[in-house]
Amino acid sequence: MTETEISRTIDTTNPRAAYDENAKELLAEKIILAHILSSSVPEFRNVAPEDIIPLIEGTPQVSEVPVFPGGTINPKVTGLSNEDSTPNEGKVTYDVRFFVWTPDKKSMLKLIVDIEAQKDYYPGYDIVTRCIYYGARMISSQAGTEFGNSDYNNIKKVYSIWICMDTPKYAENTITEYSFVQKNILGNFPLNKTRFDLISVITICLSKNIFDNKKNFKLNRLLSVLFTSELDSGEKKKIIETEYNIPMTEDLDRKVSVMCNLSEAIMEEGIEKGIAKGIKSTILLLRKENYTDMRIKKLIMEQYNISEDTANEYLCINEN
């Protein structure tokens, strides 16, 4: 069995891994990227998403493990390796990274954009610090590719955009940019005489309530609809088509459906783990009360509606 076949096998038995990969594939659709750029990146603000699509280059490397075997119908973006690494440093993997041209025809600039889907808002550090690190790596990795020797003027501006889920109430429905700004300490140095705005990071914090402020937070709602487990695929597709005028191609239709199926699988997995934890706790508690295993078996079969074989398995596990 090849490495790719092994990866596919793992994905089919791990709904969380498959969900993560499919989420990246959805984000890599040009129309979704265009909506993100239009609502969050200053260079594209107030530019219609359909006008941004032609400015996005190529097709991205989202993951080496395909969620959908075969080709796709919707155009995607690419051109860059999705991994950077340095000696003695762990590998840094970008969810979606691509080139895009600014819409100003007189002074078009080529930008590098990284899109990250962040499920855990409290991973043990401030999310923004990791955003800045990713942006800094995108700058330094251009050495030898976008610029050589001392030709630093060829460095491309980078954006690292983080879509944050499960956010605290104070952060819900916000889009925040962190970037370099010029601050004159002495005198009044002209703002347009130097180029310093090479890195910006943006956080897009979603609301747990997808129906919250849908008019004022259009992008946040779109992303919430894509990732929520509260809507079925039919409801998601209707919102995507009617509210955002996004054509539901065969490929996009399939990806939205898969996201819904994977969400259900993850929920079922969580329920099963919760039931298993409850059964084990019950067995431990009853054993402390000196119940016999025969009595415990009868009780957990009745309480949790499980078969005798399943009850025997739990009792054996807890005896070891």
C-alpha atoms as a PDB file:
ATOM      1  CA  MET A   1       0.000   0.000   0.000  1.00  0.00           C
ATOM      2  CA  THR A   2       1.383   3.427  -0.965  1.00  0.00           C
ATOM      3  CA  GLU A   3       1.696   6.348   1.476  1.00  0.00           C
ATOM      4  CA  THR A   4      -1.205   8.107  -0.249  1.00  0.00           C
ATOM      5  CA  GLU A   5      -3.407   5.019   0.058  1.00  0.00           C
ATOM      6  CA  ILE A   6      -2.504   4.677   3.725  1.00  0.00           C
ATOM      7  CA  SER A   7      -3.369   8.367   4.294  1.00  0.00           C
ATOM      8  CA  ARG A   8      -6.717   7.911   2.569  1.00  0.00           C
ATOM      9  CA  THR A   9      -7.463   4.898   4.752  1.00  0.00           C
ATOM     10  CA  ILE A  10      -6.641   6.880   7.881  1.00  0.00           C
ATOM     11  CA  ASP A  11      -8.866   9.743   6.743  1.00  0.00           C
ATOM     12  CA  THR A  12     -11.858   7.488   6.163  1.00  0.00           C
ATOM     13  CA  THR A  13     -11.641   6.216   9.748  1.00  0.00           C
ATOM     14  CA  ASN A  14     -10.808   9.592  11.323  1.00  0.00           C
ATOM     15  CA  PRO A  15     -13.667  12.050  10.742  1.00  0.00           C
ATOM     16  CA  ARG A  16     -11.827  14.881  12.515  1.00  0.00           C
ATOM     17  CA  ALA A  17      -8.798  14.619  10.218  1.00  0.00           C
ATOM     18  CA  ALA A  18     -11.064  14.382   7.183  1.00  0.00           C
ATOM     19  CA  TYR A  19     -13.067  17.398   8.407  1.00  0.00           C
ATOM     20  CA  ASP A  20      -9.893  19.484   8.728  1.00  0.00           C
ATOM     21  CA  GLU A  21      -8.731  18.586   5.227  1.00  0.00           C
ATOM     22  CA  ASN A  22     -12.140  19.269   3.711  1.00  0.00           C
ATOM     23  CA  ALA A  23     -12.296  22.634   5.502  1.00  0.00           C
ATOM     24  CA  LYS A  24      -9.020  23.603   3.819  1.00  0.00           C
ATOM     25  CA  GLU A  25     -10.357  22.491   0.443  1.00  0.00           C
ATOM     26  CA  LEU A  26     -13.441  24.658   0.910  1.00  0.00           C
ATOM     27  CA  LEU A  27     -11.353  27.671   1.892  1.00  0.00           C
ATOM     28  CA  ALA A  28      -9.176  27.153  -1.206  1.00  0.00           C
ATOM     29  CA  GLU A  29     -12.098  27.756  -3.577  1.00  0.00           C
ATOM     30  CA  LYS A  30     -11.404  31.023  -5.366  1.00  0.00           C
ATOM     31  CA  ILE A  31     -14.876  32.413  -4.749  1.00  0.00           C
ATOM     32  CA  ILE A  32     -14.493  31.830  -0.990  1.00  0.00           C
ATOM     33  CA  LEU A  33     -11.007  33.386  -1.006  1.00  0.00           C
ATOM     34  CA  ALA A  34     -12.391  36.348  -2.933  1.00  0.00           C
ATOM     35  CA  HIS A  35     -15.061  36.958  -0.285  1.00  0.00           C
ATOM     36  CA  ILE A  36     -12.415  36.797   2.446  1.00  0.00           C
ATOM     37  CA  LEU A  37     -10.174  39.299   0.638  1.00  0.00           C
ATOM     38  CA  SER A  38     -13.054  41.646  -0.192  1.00  0.00           C
ATOM     39  CA  SER A  39     -14.188  41.938   3.422  1.00  0.00           C
ATOM     40  CA  SER A  40     -10.890  41.879   5.320  1.00  0.00           C
ATOM     41  CA  VAL A  41      -7.879  43.005   3.256  1.00  0.00           C
ATOM     42  CA  PRO A  42      -7.584  46.804   2.745  1.00  0.00           C
ATOM     43  CA  GLU A  43      -6.301  46.510  -0.837  1.00  0.00           C
ATOM     44  CA  PHE A  44      -9.521  44.709  -1.834  1.00  0.00           C
ATOM     45  CA  ARG A  45     -12.034  46.479   0.334  1.00  0.00           C
ATOM     46  CA  ASN A  46     -15.273  47.266  -1.524  1.00  0.00           C
ATOM     47  CA  VAL A  47     -14.095  45.267  -4.574  1.00  0.00           C
ATOM     48  CA  ALA A  48     -16.706  42.745  -5.709  1.00  0.00           C
ATOM     49  CA  PRO A  49     -15.624  39.121  -5.099  1.00  0.00           C
ATOM     50  CA  GLU A  50     -16.223  38.202  -8.741  1.00  0.00           C
ATOM     51  CA  ASP A  51     -13.732  40.918  -9.746  1.00  0.00           C
ATOM     52  CA  ILE A  52     -11.110  39.522  -7.361  1.00  0.00           C
ATOM     53  CA  ILE A  53     -11.205  35.962  -8.714  1.00  0.00           C
ATOM     54  CA  PRO A  54      -9.163  36.769 -11.878  1.00  0.00           C
ATOM     55  CA  LEU A  55      -6.496  38.414  -9.694  1.00  0.00           C
ATOM     56  CA  ILE A  56      -5.806  35.174  -7.798  1.00  0.00           C
ATOM     57  CA  GLU A  57      -3.015  33.122  -9.338  1.00  0.00           C
ATOM     58  CA  GLY A  58      -2.796  29.414  -9.847  1.00  0.00           C
ATOM     59  CA  THR A  59      -3.890  26.472  -7.737  1.00  0.00           C
ATOM     60  CA  PRO A  60      -2.978  25.930  -4.073  1.00  0.00           C
ATOM     61  CA  GLN A  61      -1.319  22.983  -2.405  1.00  0.00           C
ATOM     62  CA  VAL A  62      -3.808  22.479   0.371  1.00  0.00           C
ATOM     63  CA  SER A  63      -2.841  18.984   1.458  1.00  0.00           C
ATOM     64  CA  GLU A  64      -1.056  15.956   0.050  1.00  0.00           C
ATOM     65  CA  VAL A  65      -3.868  13.753   1.294  1.00  0.00           C
ATOM     66  CA  PRO A  66      -6.847  14.328  -1.058  1.00  0.00           C
ATOM     67  CA  VAL A  67     -10.280  14.506   0.517  1.00  0.00           C
ATOM     68  CA  PHE A  68     -11.857  14.252  -2.946  1.00  0.00           C
ATOM     69  CA  PRO A  69     -10.062  11.863  -5.317  1.00  0.00           C
ATOM     70  CA  GLY A  70      -9.709  13.164  -8.865  1.00  0.00           C
ATOM     71  CA  GLY A  71     -10.009  16.674 -10.264  1.00  0.00           C
ATOM     72  CA  THR A  72     -12.202  19.592  -9.364  1.00  0.00           C
ATOM     73  CA  ILE A  73     -14.499  21.850 -11.329  1.00  0.00           C
ATOM     74  CA  ASN A  74     -14.037  25.146  -9.503  1.00  0.00           C
ATOM     75  CA  PRO A  75     -10.720  26.958 -10.163  1.00  0.00           C
ATOM     76  CA  LYS A  76      -8.334  27.027  -7.240  1.00  0.00           C
ATOM     77  CA  VAL A  77      -5.136  28.885  -6.538  1.00  0.00           C
ATOM     78  CA  THR A  78      -1.507  27.904  -6.156  1.00  0.00           C
ATOM     79  CA  GLY A  79       2.079  28.525  -7.025  1.00  0.00           C
ATOM     80  CA  LEU A  80       3.772  28.189  -3.656  1.00  0.00           C
ATOM     81  CA  SER A  81       5.005  25.394  -1.506  1.00  0.00           C
ATOM     82  CA  ASN A  82       2.702  25.178   1.501  1.00  0.00           C
ATOM     83  CA  GLU A  83       5.530  24.366   3.898  1.00  0.00           C
ATOM     84  CA  ASP A  84       8.441  26.361   5.280  1.00  0.00           C
ATOM     85  CA  SER A  85      11.132  24.919   7.507  1.00  0.00           C
ATOM     86  CA  THR A  86      14.451  25.937   8.952  1.00  0.00           C
ATOM     87  CA  PRO A  87      17.187  23.812  10.577  1.00  0.00           C
ATOM     88  CA  ASN A  88      16.347  22.649  14.109  1.00  0.00           C
ATOM     89  CA  GLU A  89      12.792  23.971  13.724  1.00  0.00           C
ATOM     90  CA  GLY A  90       9.561  22.040  13.442  1.00  0.00           C
ATOM     91  CA  LYS A  91       7.765  22.078  10.121  1.00  0.00           C
ATOM     92  CA  VAL A  92       5.327  24.965   9.608  1.00  0.00           C
ATOM     93  CA  THR A  93       2.400  24.040   7.409  1.00  0.00           C
ATOM     94  CA  TYR A  94       0.075  26.615   5.879  1.00  0.00           C
ATOM     95  CA  ASP A  95      -3.575  25.706   5.402  1.00  0.00           C
ATOM     96  CA  VAL A  96      -4.017  27.714   2.183  1.00  0.00           C
ATOM     97  CA  ARG A  97      -1.364  29.997   0.679  1.00  0.00           C
ATOM     98  CA  PHE A  98      -1.468  31.817  -2.658  1.00  0.00           C
ATOM     99  CA  PHE A  99      -0.421  34.795  -4.794  1.00  0.00           C
ATOM    100  CA  VAL A 100      -2.887  37.560  -5.618  1.00  0.00           C
ATOM    101  CA  TRP A 101      -2.541  40.866  -7.502  1.00  0.00           C
ATOM    102  CA  THR A 102      -3.974  44.093  -6.115  1.00  0.00           C
ATOM    103  CA  PRO A 103      -6.801  45.602  -8.202  1.00  0.00           C
ATOM    104  CA  ASP A 104      -5.155  49.022  -8.697  1.00  0.00           C
ATOM    105  CA  LYS A 105      -4.165  48.939 -12.398  1.00  0.00           C
ATOM    106  CA  LYS A 106      -1.738  51.871 -12.060  1.00  0.00           C
ATOM    107  CA  SER A 107       0.324  50.316  -9.285  1.00  0.00           C
ATOM    108  CA  MET A 108      -0.501  46.612  -9.167  1.00  0.00           C
ATOM    109  CA  LEU A 109       1.339  44.708  -6.448  1.00  0.00           C
ATOM    110  CA  LYS A 110       1.723  41.000  -5.952  1.00  0.00           C
ATOM    111  CA  LEU A 111       0.746  39.839  -2.458  1.00  0.00           C
ATOM    112  CA  ILE A 112       1.209  36.518  -0.692  1.00  0.00           C
ATOM    113  CA  VAL A 113      -1.751  35.448   1.428  1.00  0.00           C
ATOM    114  CA  ASP A 114      -2.048  32.670   3.986  1.00  0.00           C
ATOM    115  CA  ILE A 115      -5.465  31.528   5.236  1.00  0.00           C
ATOM    116  CA  GLU A 116      -5.624  29.509   8.457  1.00  0.00           C
ATOM    117  CA  ALA A 117      -8.621  27.810  10.074  1.00  0.00           C
ATOM    118  CA  GLN A 118      -8.157  27.922  13.864  1.00  0.00           C
ATOM    119  CA  LYS A 119     -10.580  25.823  15.907  1.00  0.00           C
ATOM    120  CA  ASP A 120      -9.061  26.337  19.360  1.00  0.00           C
ATOM    121  CA  TYR A 121      -9.062  29.983  20.457  1.00  0.00           C
ATOM    122  CA  TYR A 122      -7.151  29.134  23.658  1.00  0.00           C
ATOM    123  CA  PRO A 123      -4.291  26.836  22.565  1.00  0.00           C
ATOM    124  CA  GLY A 124      -2.063  27.945  25.432  1.00  0.00           C
ATOM    125  CA  TYR A 125      -0.762  31.137  23.821  1.00  0.00           C
ATOM    126  CA  ASP A 126      -2.161  34.308  22.264  1.00  0.00           C
ATOM    127  CA  ILE A 127      -3.375  33.507  18.738  1.00  0.00           C
ATOM    128  CA  VAL A 128      -1.981  36.801  17.403  1.00  0.00           C
ATOM    129  CA  THR A 129       1.581  35.811  18.354  1.00  0.00           C
ATOM    130  CA  ARG A 130       1.315  32.744  16.137  1.00  0.00           C
ATOM    131  CA  CYS A 131      -0.245  34.861  13.356  1.00  0.00           C
ATOM    132  CA  ILE A 132       2.790  37.178  13.463  1.00  0.00           C
ATOM    133  CA  TYR A 133       5.172  34.210  13.425  1.00  0.00           C
ATOM    134  CA  TYR A 134       3.500  32.793  10.312  1.00  0.00           C
ATOM    135  CA  GLY A 135       3.675  36.186   8.616  1.00  0.00           C
ATOM    136  CA  ALA A 136       7.358  36.573   9.512  1.00  0.00           C
ATOM    137  CA  ARG A 137       8.121  33.137   8.080  1.00  0.00           C
ATOM    138  CA  MET A 138       6.339  34.106   4.857  1.00  0.00           C
ATOM    139  CA  ILE A 139       8.635  37.142   4.600  1.00  0.00           C
ATOM    140  CA  SER A 140      11.888  35.307   5.352  1.00  0.00           C
ATOM    141  CA  SER A 141      11.054  32.382   3.059  1.00  0.00           C
ATOM    142  CA  GLN A 142      11.059  34.739   0.061  1.00  0.00           C
ATOM    143  CA  ALA A 143      14.873  34.913   0.186  1.00  0.00           C
ATOM    144  CA  GLY A 144      16.211  33.208  -2.920  1.00  0.00           C
ATOM    145  CA  THR A 145      12.781  33.036  -4.569  1.00  0.00           C
ATOM    146  CA  GLU A 146      11.187  36.501  -4.658  1.00  0.00           C
ATOM    147  CA  PHE A 147      14.410  38.411  -4.006  1.00  0.00           C
ATOM    148  CA  GLY A 148      18.122  37.660  -4.061  1.00  0.00           C
ATOM    149  CA  ASN A 149      21.275  39.139  -2.519  1.00  0.00           C
ATOM    150  CA  SER A 150      20.369  42.592  -1.149  1.00  0.00           C
ATOM    151  CA  ASP A 151      17.410  43.326  -3.419  1.00  0.00           C
ATOM    152  CA  TYR A 152      14.987  43.755  -0.528  1.00  0.00           C
ATOM    153  CA  ASN A 153      12.711  46.024  -2.539  1.00  0.00           C
ATOM    154  CA  ASN A 154      11.367  42.905  -4.265  1.00  0.00           C
ATOM    155  CA  ILE A 155       9.963  41.477  -1.033  1.00  0.00           C
ATOM    156  CA  LYS A 156       6.240  40.822  -1.485  1.00  0.00           C
ATOM    157  CA  LYS A 157       3.789  42.018   1.137  1.00  0.00           C
ATOM    158  CA  VAL A 158       2.222  39.150   3.084  1.00  0.00           C
ATOM    159  CA  TYR A 159      -1.106  38.657   4.817  1.00  0.00           C
ATOM    160  CA  SER A 160      -1.725  35.908   7.340  1.00  0.00           C
ATOM    161  CA  ILE A 161      -5.481  35.626   7.867  1.00  0.00           C
ATOM    162  CA  TRP A 162      -6.823  33.495  10.703  1.00  0.00           C
ATOM    163  CA  ILE A 163     -10.431  32.315  10.840  1.00  0.00           C
ATOM    164  CA  CYS A 164     -11.092  31.749  14.539  1.00  0.00           C
ATOM    165  CA  MET A 165     -13.911  29.477  15.693  1.00  0.00           C
ATOM    166  CA  ASP A 166     -15.282  28.806  19.174  1.00  0.00           C
ATOM    167  CA  THR A 167     -14.368  32.358  20.134  1.00  0.00           C
ATOM    168  CA  PRO A 168     -15.248  34.058  23.457  1.00  0.00           C
ATOM    169  CA  LYS A 169     -18.203  36.423  23.521  1.00  0.00           C
ATOM    170  CA  TYR A 170     -16.034  39.556  23.535  1.00  0.00           C
ATOM    171  CA  ALA A 171     -14.359  38.510  20.259  1.00  0.00           C
ATOM    172  CA  GLU A 172     -17.384  37.250  18.325  1.00  0.00           C
ATOM    173  CA  ASN A 173     -18.215  38.907  14.999  1.00  0.00           C
ATOM    174  CA  THR A 174     -14.975  40.858  14.738  1.00  0.00           C
ATOM    175  CA  ILE A 175     -12.362  41.334  12.026  1.00  0.00           C
ATOM    176  CA  THR A 176      -9.105  42.806  13.334  1.00  0.00           C
ATOM    177  CA  GLU A 177      -5.903  43.748  11.526  1.00  0.00           C
ATOM    178  CA  TYR A 178      -2.459  43.993  13.139  1.00  0.00           C
ATOM    179  CA  SER A 179       0.212  45.677  11.035  1.00  0.00           C
ATOM    180  CA  PHE A 180       3.255  47.957  10.999  1.00  0.00           C
ATOM    181  CA  VAL A 181       2.480  51.663  11.279  1.00  0.00           C
ATOM    182  CA  GLN A 182       4.761  54.668  11.030  1.00  0.00           C
ATOM    183  CA  LYS A 183       5.116  56.718  14.218  1.00  0.00           C
ATOM    184  CA  ASN A 184       7.253  59.849  14.040  1.00  0.00           C
ATOM    185  CA  ILE A 185       9.196  60.287  17.267  1.00  0.00           C
ATOM    186  CA  LEU A 186      11.053  63.439  16.145  1.00  0.00           C
ATOM    187  CA  GLY A 187      10.102  65.614  13.215  1.00  0.00           C
ATOM    188  CA  ASN A 188       7.596  64.793  10.494  1.00  0.00           C
ATOM    189  CA  PHE A 189       9.075  62.195   8.133  1.00  0.00           C
ATOM    190  CA  PRO A 190       6.898  61.943   4.967  1.00  0.00           C
ATOM    191  CA  LEU A 191       4.643  58.888   5.084  1.00  0.00           C
ATOM    192  CA  ASN A 192       5.083  58.069   1.367  1.00  0.00           C
ATOM    193  CA  LYS A 193       8.889  58.159   1.340  1.00  0.00           C
ATOM    194  CA  THR A 194       9.516  54.627   2.596  1.00  0.00           C
ATOM    195  CA  ARG A 195       7.972  51.166   2.170  1.00  0.00           C
ATOM    196  CA  PHE A 196       7.380  49.437   5.484  1.00  0.00           C
ATOM    197  CA  ASP A 197       3.923  47.821   5.279  1.00  0.00           C
ATOM    198  CA  LEU A 198       5.197  44.356   4.345  1.00  0.00           C
ATOM    199  CA  ILE A 199       3.334  42.245   6.885  1.00  0.00           C
ATOM    200  CA  SER A 200      -0.215  42.260   8.212  1.00  0.00           C
ATOM    201  CA  VAL A 201      -2.116  39.663  10.178  1.00  0.00           C
ATOM    202  CA  ILE A 202      -5.888  39.549  10.361  1.00  0.00           C
ATOM    203  CA  THR A 203      -8.168  37.631  12.719  1.00  0.00           C
ATOM    204  CA  ILE A 204     -11.730  36.843  11.685  1.00  0.00           C
ATOM    205  CA  CYS A 205     -13.622  35.747  14.794  1.00  0.00           C
ATOM    206  CA  LEU A 206     -16.867  33.924  14.124  1.00  0.00           C
ATOM    207  CA  SER A 207     -19.993  33.917  16.240  1.00  0.00           C
ATOM    208  CA  LYS A 208     -21.423  30.739  17.726  1.00  0.00           C
ATOM    209  CA  ASN A 209     -24.826  31.987  16.574  1.00  0.00           C
ATOM    210  CA  ILE A 210     -24.825  31.881  12.778  1.00  0.00           C
ATOM    211  CA  PHE A 211     -27.998  33.973  12.656  1.00  0.00           C
ATOM    212  CA  ASP A 212     -26.415  36.797  14.652  1.00  0.00           C
ATOM    213  CA  ASN A 213     -26.035  40.102  12.772  1.00  0.00           C
ATOM    214  CA  LYS A 214     -26.111  38.449   9.361  1.00  0.00           C
ATOM    215  CA  LYS A 215     -26.357  41.778   7.521  1.00  0.00           C
ATOM    216  CA  ASN A 216     -23.575  43.595   9.343  1.00  0.00           C
ATOM    217  CA  PHE A 217     -21.146  40.675   9.410  1.00  0.00           C
ATOM    218  CA  LYS A 218     -21.561  39.199   5.954  1.00  0.00           C
ATOM    219  CA  LEU A 219     -18.185  37.440   5.715  1.00  0.00           C
ATOM    220  CA  ASN A 220     -18.384  36.074   9.263  1.00  0.00           C
ATOM    221  CA  ARG A 221     -21.811  34.631   8.515  1.00  0.00           C
ATOM    222  CA  LEU A 222     -20.626  33.005   5.283  1.00  0.00           C
ATOM    223  CA  LEU A 223     -17.735  31.290   7.057  1.00  0.00           C
ATOM    224  CA  SER A 224     -19.965  30.277   9.964  1.00  0.00           C
ATOM    225  CA  VAL A 225     -22.444  28.733   7.539  1.00  0.00           C
ATOM    226  CA  LEU A 226     -19.650  26.740   5.880  1.00  0.00           C
ATOM    227  CA  PHE A 227     -18.372  25.308   9.168  1.00  0.00           C
ATOM    228  CA  THR A 228     -21.445  25.044  11.401  1.00  0.00           C
ATOM    229  CA  SER A 229     -22.976  21.720  12.382  1.00  0.00           C
ATOM    230  CA  GLU A 230     -26.341  23.369  13.075  1.00  0.00           C
ATOM    231  CA  LEU A 231     -27.449  23.452   9.418  1.00  0.00           C
ATOM    232  CA  ASP A 232     -27.936  20.564   7.029  1.00  0.00           C
ATOM    233  CA  SER A 233     -26.394  20.642   3.557  1.00  0.00           C
ATOM    234  CA  GLY A 234     -29.601  21.853   1.899  1.00  0.00           C
ATOM    235  CA  GLU A 235     -29.876  24.857   4.234  1.00  0.00           C
ATOM    236  CA  LYS A 236     -26.203  25.717   3.761  1.00  0.00           C
ATOM    237  CA  LYS A 237     -26.422  25.570  -0.034  1.00  0.00           C
ATOM    238  CA  LYS A 238     -29.523  27.773  -0.065  1.00  0.00           C
ATOM    239  CA  ILE A 239     -27.810  30.477   2.027  1.00  0.00           C
ATOM    240  CA  ILE A 240     -24.611  30.312  -0.055  1.00  0.00           C
ATOM    241  CA  GLU A 241     -26.521  30.684  -3.314  1.00  0.00           C
ATOM    242  CA  THR A 242     -29.223  33.193  -2.337  1.00  0.00           C
ATOM    243  CA  GLU A 243     -27.347  35.462   0.083  1.00  0.00           C
ATOM    244  CA  TYR A 244     -23.906  35.408  -1.553  1.00  0.00           C
ATOM    245  CA  ASN A 245     -24.675  34.657  -5.210  1.00  0.00           C
ATOM    246  CA  ILE A 246     -22.104  31.858  -5.166  1.00  0.00           C
ATOM    247  CA  PRO A 247     -22.840  29.301  -7.903  1.00  0.00           C
ATOM    248  CA  MET A 248     -23.296  25.858  -6.408  1.00  0.00           C
ATOM    249  CA  THR A 249     -21.092  23.884  -8.786  1.00  0.00           C
ATOM    250  CA  GLU A 250     -20.960  20.109  -8.612  1.00  0.00           C
ATOM    251  CA  ASP A 251     -17.623  20.253  -6.814  1.00  0.00           C
ATOM    252  CA  LEU A 252     -18.670  22.866  -4.240  1.00  0.00           C
ATOM    253  CA  ASP A 253     -21.980  21.058  -3.703  1.00  0.00           C
ATOM    254  CA  ARG A 254     -20.114  17.853  -2.903  1.00  0.00           C
ATOM    255  CA  LYS A 255     -17.706  19.544  -0.498  1.00  0.00           C
ATOM    256  CA  VAL A 256     -20.505  21.226   1.438  1.00  0.00           C
ATOM    257  CA  SER A 257     -22.317  17.883   1.692  1.00  0.00           C
ATOM    258  CA  VAL A 258     -19.173  16.135   2.923  1.00  0.00           C
ATOM    259  CA  MET A 259     -18.646  18.838   5.573  1.00  0.00           C
ATOM    260  CA  CYS A 260     -22.151  18.159   6.888  1.00  0.00           C
ATOM    261  CA  ASN A 261     -21.598  14.391   6.918  1.00  0.00           C
ATOM    262  CA  LEU A 262     -18.278  14.773   8.726  1.00  0.00           C
ATOM    263  CA  SER A 263     -19.835  17.148  11.278  1.00  0.00           C
ATOM    264  CA  GLU A 264     -22.480  14.509  12.032  1.00  0.00           C
ATOM    265  CA  ALA A 265     -19.804  11.824  12.333  1.00  0.00           C
ATOM    266  CA  ILE A 266     -17.828  13.963  14.790  1.00  0.00           C
ATOM    267  CA  MET A 267     -20.952  14.631  16.862  1.00  0.00           C
ATOM    268  CA  GLU A 268     -21.781  10.915  16.934  1.00  0.00           C
ATOM    269  CA  GLU A 269     -18.192  10.157  17.886  1.00  0.00           C
ATOM    270  CA  GLY A 270     -18.454  12.637  20.759  1.00  0.00           C
ATOM    271  CA  ILE A 271     -21.740  11.122  21.930  1.00  0.00           C
ATOM    272  CA  GLU A 272     -20.242   7.634  21.838  1.00  0.00           C
ATOM    273  CA  LYS A 273     -17.210   8.776  23.845  1.00  0.00           C
ATOM    274  CA  GLY A 274     -19.510  10.455  26.346  1.00  0.00           C
ATOM    275  CA  ILE A 275     -21.576   7.289  26.744  1.00  0.00           C
ATOM    276  CA  ALA A 276     -18.433   5.175  27.120  1.00  0.00           C
ATOM    277  CA  LYS A 277     -17.101   7.543  29.782  1.00  0.00           C
ATOM    278  CA  GLY A 278     -20.442   7.392  31.600  1.00  0.00           C
ATOM    279  CA  ILE A 279     -20.494   3.585  31.561  1.00  0.00           C
ATOM    280  CA  LYS A 280     -16.942   3.339  32.915  1.00  0.00           C
ATOM    281  CA  SER A 281     -17.698   5.853  35.678  1.00  0.00           C
ATOM    282  CA  THR A 282     -20.851   3.939  36.623  1.00  0.00           C
ATOM    283  CA  ILE A 283     -18.951   0.645  36.831  1.00  0.00           C
ATOM    284  CA  LEU A 284     -16.255   2.154  39.035  1.00  0.00           C
ATOM    285  CA  LEU A 285     -18.845   3.745  41.313  1.00  0.00           C
ATOM    286  CA  LEU A 286     -20.888   0.538  41.679  1.00  0.00           C
ATOM    287  CA  ARG A 287     -17.787  -1.531  42.378  1.00  0.00           C
ATOM    288  CA  LYS A 288     -16.876   0.830  45.184  1.00  0.00           C
ATOM    289  CA  GLU A 289     -20.346   0.154  46.580  1.00  0.00           C
ATOM    290  CA  ASN A 290     -19.546  -3.593  46.417  1.00  0.00           C
ATOM    291  CA  TYR A 291     -22.039  -4.441  43.682  1.00  0.00           C
ATOM    292  CA  THR A 292     -21.333  -7.757  41.977  1.00  0.00           C
ATOM    293  CA  ASP A 293     -20.379  -7.751  38.305  1.00  0.00           C
ATOM    294  CA  MET A 294     -23.593  -9.627  37.470  1.00  0.00           C
ATOM    295  CA  ARG A 295     -25.651  -6.890  39.118  1.00  0.00           C
ATOM    296  CA  ILE A 296     -23.554  -4.138  37.510  1.00  0.00           C
ATOM    297  CA  LYS A 297     -23.979  -5.753  34.098  1.00  0.00           C
ATOM    298  CA  LYS A 298     -27.749  -5.792  34.434  1.00  0.00           C
ATOM    299  CA  LEU A 299     -27.833  -2.166  35.573  1.00  0.00           C
ATOM    300  CA  ILE A 300     -25.646  -0.743  32.793  1.00  0.00           C
ATOM    301  CA  MET A 301     -27.546  -2.772  30.161  1.00  0.00           C
ATOM    302  CA  GLU A 302     -30.786  -1.186  31.342  1.00  0.00           C
ATOM    303  CA  GLN A 303     -29.425   2.324  31.935  1.00  0.00           C
ATOM    304  CA  TYR A 304     -27.421   2.655  28.708  1.00  0.00           C
ATOM    305  CA  ASN A 305     -29.449   0.315  26.474  1.00  0.00           C
ATOM    306  CA  ILE A 306     -26.455  -1.800  25.493  1.00  0.00           C
ATOM    307  CA  SER A 307     -26.158  -5.498  24.689  1.00  0.00           C
ATOM    308  CA  GLU A 308     -24.846  -8.131  27.083  1.00  0.00           C
ATOM    309  CA  ASP A 309     -21.717  -8.591  24.954  1.00  0.00           C
ATOM    310  CA  THR A 310     -20.985  -4.850  25.085  1.00  0.00           C
ATOM    311  CA  ALA A 311     -21.556  -4.817  28.846  1.00  0.00           C
ATOM    312  CA  ASN A 312     -19.161  -7.740  29.251  1.00  0.00           C
ATOM    313  CA  GLU A 313     -16.508  -5.852  27.252  1.00  0.00           C
ATOM    314  CA  TYR A 314     -16.775  -2.835  29.568  1.00  0.00           C
ATOM    315  CA  LEU A 315     -16.551  -5.040  32.645  1.00  0.00           C
ATOM    316  CA  CYS A 316     -13.461  -6.790  31.311  1.00  0.00           C
ATOM    317  CA  ILE A 317     -11.803  -3.471  30.458  1.00  0.00           C
ATOM    318  CA  ASN A 318     -12.397  -2.167  33.945  1.00  0.00           C
ATOM    319  CA  GLU A 319     -11.047  -5.327  35.578  1.00  0.00           C
ATOM    320  CA  ASN A 320      -7.621  -4.843  33.935  1.00  0.00           C
END
